[in-house]
Amino acid sequence: MSYLIYRCDCGRVLYSKEDTKTKRCTCGKTLNVRKRRILKIADSADAATQAVQDMQEEIYGGSIFRTADQL
């Protein structure tokens, strides 16, 4: 199964399974996944997670994803 990576109107990068119809962003907006512009496609959930983290860091700069022991 493939995972689609796309952005919400608020700027957050999201991913979902390719057969997902809608997804709710943390900003509260419900997105129709099939009408979004797909930025990347990942083969696994782990690859999709890493791609989303990389894109978020590229957009907002710096390393914002850390584990608790790194704080």
N, C-alpha and C. Protein backbone atom coordinates (compact mmCIF):
# COMPACT_ATOMS: atom_id res chain seq x y z
N MET A 1 0.83 -1.18 0.00
CA MET A 1 0.00 0.00 0.00
C MET A 1 0.88 1.25 0.00
N SER A 2 0.49 2.23 -0.75
CA SER A 2 1.24 3.48 -0.85
C SER A 2 0.61 4.53 0.06
N TYR A 3 1.42 5.49 0.43
CA TYR A 3 0.99 6.61 1.26
C TYR A 3 1.20 7.91 0.48
N LEU A 4 0.18 8.77 0.48
CA LEU A 4 0.23 10.04 -0.23
C LEU A 4 0.63 11.14 0.74
N ILE A 5 1.51 12.02 0.29
CA ILE A 5 1.98 13.13 1.12
C ILE A 5 1.53 14.42 0.45
N TYR A 6 0.87 15.28 1.23
CA TYR A 6 0.28 16.51 0.70
C TYR A 6 0.26 17.56 1.80
N ARG A 7 -0.14 18.78 1.44
CA ARG A 7 -0.18 19.87 2.42
C ARG A 7 -1.60 20.35 2.63
N CYS A 8 -1.86 20.78 3.85
CA CYS A 8 -3.12 21.45 4.18
C CYS A 8 -2.98 22.92 3.78
N ASP A 9 -4.09 23.62 3.75
CA ASP A 9 -4.06 25.05 3.45
C ASP A 9 -3.33 25.84 4.52
N CYS A 10 -3.25 25.29 5.74
CA CYS A 10 -2.56 25.98 6.83
C CYS A 10 -1.04 25.82 6.71
N GLY A 11 -0.57 24.92 5.84
CA GLY A 11 0.85 24.75 5.63
C GLY A 11 1.41 23.45 6.18
N ARG A 12 0.65 22.76 7.03
CA ARG A 12 1.13 21.51 7.62
C ARG A 12 1.17 20.42 6.55
N VAL A 13 2.23 19.63 6.60
CA VAL A 13 2.38 18.50 5.68
C VAL A 13 1.76 17.28 6.34
N LEU A 14 0.94 16.55 5.57
CA LEU A 14 0.22 15.39 6.08
C LEU A 14 0.44 14.19 5.17
N TYR A 15 0.12 13.01 5.68
CA TYR A 15 0.12 11.82 4.83
C TYR A 15 -1.06 10.95 5.20
N SER A 16 -1.48 10.14 4.24
CA SER A 16 -2.55 9.18 4.48
C SER A 16 -2.44 8.05 3.46
N LYS A 17 -3.11 6.95 3.74
CA LYS A 17 -3.11 5.83 2.80
C LYS A 17 -3.77 6.26 1.50
N GLU A 18 -3.38 5.64 0.41
CA GLU A 18 -3.86 6.05 -0.90
C GLU A 18 -5.37 5.89 -1.07
N ASP A 19 -6.01 5.02 -0.30
CA ASP A 19 -7.45 4.83 -0.44
C ASP A 19 -8.28 5.70 0.50
N THR A 20 -7.63 6.60 1.25
CA THR A 20 -8.33 7.50 2.17
C THR A 20 -9.05 8.58 1.38
N LYS A 21 -10.29 8.86 1.76
CA LYS A 21 -11.07 9.88 1.06
C LYS A 21 -10.91 11.26 1.69
N THR A 22 -11.01 11.33 3.02
CA THR A 22 -10.87 12.61 3.71
C THR A 22 -9.95 12.45 4.91
N LYS A 23 -9.36 13.57 5.29
CA LYS A 23 -8.47 13.59 6.46
C LYS A 23 -8.65 14.92 7.17
N ARG A 24 -8.64 14.90 8.49
CA ARG A 24 -8.76 16.13 9.27
C ARG A 24 -7.37 16.55 9.73
N CYS A 25 -7.03 17.79 9.43
CA CYS A 25 -5.75 18.38 9.85
C CYS A 25 -5.87 18.81 11.31
N THR A 26 -4.75 19.02 11.96
CA THR A 26 -4.78 19.48 13.35
C THR A 26 -5.33 20.90 13.47
N CYS A 27 -5.35 21.64 12.36
CA CYS A 27 -5.92 22.99 12.38
C CYS A 27 -7.45 22.95 12.41
N GLY A 28 -8.03 21.76 12.15
CA GLY A 28 -9.48 21.61 12.19
C GLY A 28 -10.12 21.48 10.82
N LYS A 29 -9.40 21.74 9.78
CA LYS A 29 -9.95 21.67 8.42
C LYS A 29 -10.04 20.21 7.97
N THR A 30 -11.15 19.85 7.34
CA THR A 30 -11.30 18.52 6.75
C THR A 30 -10.93 18.61 5.28
N LEU A 31 -9.99 17.76 4.87
CA LEU A 31 -9.46 17.81 3.50
C LEU A 31 -9.97 16.64 2.68
N ASN A 32 -10.34 16.91 1.44
CA ASN A 32 -10.66 15.86 0.49
C ASN A 32 -9.33 15.44 -0.14
N VAL A 33 -8.81 14.30 0.25
CA VAL A 33 -7.47 13.86 -0.16
C VAL A 33 -7.36 13.75 -1.67
N ARG A 34 -8.40 13.31 -2.32
CA ARG A 34 -8.35 13.09 -3.78
C ARG A 34 -8.25 14.40 -4.57
N LYS A 35 -8.57 15.52 -3.94
CA LYS A 35 -8.49 16.80 -4.62
C LYS A 35 -7.22 17.58 -4.27
N ARG A 36 -6.38 17.02 -3.38
CA ARG A 36 -5.14 17.69 -2.98
C ARG A 36 -4.04 17.42 -4.00
N ARG A 37 -3.11 18.34 -4.10
CA ARG A 37 -1.93 18.13 -4.94
C ARG A 37 -0.97 17.24 -4.17
N ILE A 38 -0.62 16.11 -4.75
CA ILE A 38 0.24 15.14 -4.09
C ILE A 38 1.70 15.55 -4.29
N LEU A 39 2.42 15.71 -3.18
CA LEU A 39 3.82 16.13 -3.25
C LEU A 39 4.77 14.96 -3.39
N LYS A 40 4.47 13.86 -2.70
CA LYS A 40 5.30 12.66 -2.75
C LYS A 40 4.43 11.45 -2.52
N ILE A 41 4.99 10.28 -2.87
CA ILE A 41 4.35 9.01 -2.57
C ILE A 41 5.38 8.14 -1.88
N ALA A 42 4.99 7.55 -0.75
CA ALA A 42 5.89 6.69 0.02
C ALA A 42 5.35 5.26 0.02
N ASP A 43 6.25 4.29 0.14
CA ASP A 43 5.87 2.89 0.12
C ASP A 43 5.45 2.35 1.48
N SER A 44 5.87 3.01 2.56
CA SER A 44 5.53 2.52 3.90
C SER A 44 5.19 3.70 4.80
N ALA A 45 4.56 3.39 5.93
CA ALA A 45 4.22 4.44 6.89
C ALA A 45 5.47 5.08 7.47
N ASP A 46 6.52 4.28 7.69
CA ASP A 46 7.77 4.83 8.21
C ASP A 46 8.40 5.81 7.23
N ALA A 47 8.40 5.45 5.95
CA ALA A 47 8.95 6.35 4.93
C ALA A 47 8.12 7.61 4.81
N ALA A 48 6.80 7.49 4.93
CA ALA A 48 5.92 8.66 4.87
C ALA A 48 6.15 9.58 6.06
N THR A 49 6.30 8.99 7.24
CA THR A 49 6.57 9.78 8.44
C THR A 49 7.87 10.56 8.31
N GLN A 50 8.91 9.89 7.83
CA GLN A 50 10.20 10.55 7.66
C GLN A 50 10.12 11.66 6.62
N ALA A 51 9.40 11.42 5.53
CA ALA A 51 9.25 12.45 4.48
C ALA A 51 8.50 13.66 5.02
N VAL A 52 7.46 13.44 5.80
CA VAL A 52 6.70 14.55 6.39
C VAL A 52 7.60 15.34 7.34
N GLN A 53 8.36 14.66 8.18
CA GLN A 53 9.26 15.36 9.10
C GLN A 53 10.30 16.17 8.34
N ASP A 54 10.87 15.60 7.29
CA ASP A 54 11.88 16.31 6.50
C ASP A 54 11.28 17.55 5.84
N MET A 55 10.06 17.42 5.30
CA MET A 55 9.42 18.55 4.63
C MET A 55 9.04 19.63 5.64
N GLN A 56 8.56 19.25 6.82
CA GLN A 56 8.22 20.23 7.85
C GLN A 56 9.46 21.00 8.30
N GLU A 57 10.58 20.29 8.47
CA GLU A 57 11.82 20.96 8.87
C GLU A 57 12.33 21.87 7.77
N GLU A 58 12.14 21.48 6.52
CA GLU A 58 12.56 22.33 5.40
C GLU A 58 11.73 23.60 5.35
N ILE A 59 10.44 23.48 5.62
CA ILE A 59 9.54 24.64 5.57
C ILE A 59 9.80 25.58 6.75
N TYR A 60 9.88 25.02 7.95
CA TYR A 60 9.97 25.84 9.15
C TYR A 60 11.38 26.00 9.69
N GLY A 61 12.34 25.29 9.12
CA GLY A 61 13.73 25.44 9.52
C GLY A 61 14.04 24.76 10.84
N GLY A 62 15.29 24.34 10.96
CA GLY A 62 15.72 23.72 12.22
C GLY A 62 15.14 22.34 12.43
N SER A 63 15.61 21.72 13.45
CA SER A 63 15.14 20.38 13.80
C SER A 63 14.04 20.52 14.85
N ILE A 64 12.80 20.39 14.42
CA ILE A 64 11.68 20.55 15.35
C ILE A 64 11.17 19.22 15.87
N PHE A 65 11.61 18.11 15.27
CA PHE A 65 11.18 16.80 15.72
C PHE A 65 12.28 16.19 16.57
N ARG A 66 12.01 16.05 17.86
CA ARG A 66 12.99 15.52 18.79
C ARG A 66 12.31 14.55 19.75
N THR A 67 13.10 13.67 20.30
CA THR A 67 12.58 12.81 21.36
C THR A 67 12.80 13.53 22.69
N ALA A 68 12.13 13.07 23.72
CA ALA A 68 12.16 13.75 25.02
C ALA A 68 13.58 13.80 25.59
N ASP A 69 14.40 12.79 25.33
CA ASP A 69 15.76 12.80 25.89
C ASP A 69 16.68 13.79 25.19
N GLN A 70 16.24 14.35 24.06
CA GLN A 70 17.06 15.33 23.34
C GLN A 70 16.77 16.76 23.77
N LEU A 71 15.76 16.96 24.60
CA LEU A 71 15.40 18.31 25.04
C LEU A 71 16.27 18.79 26.17
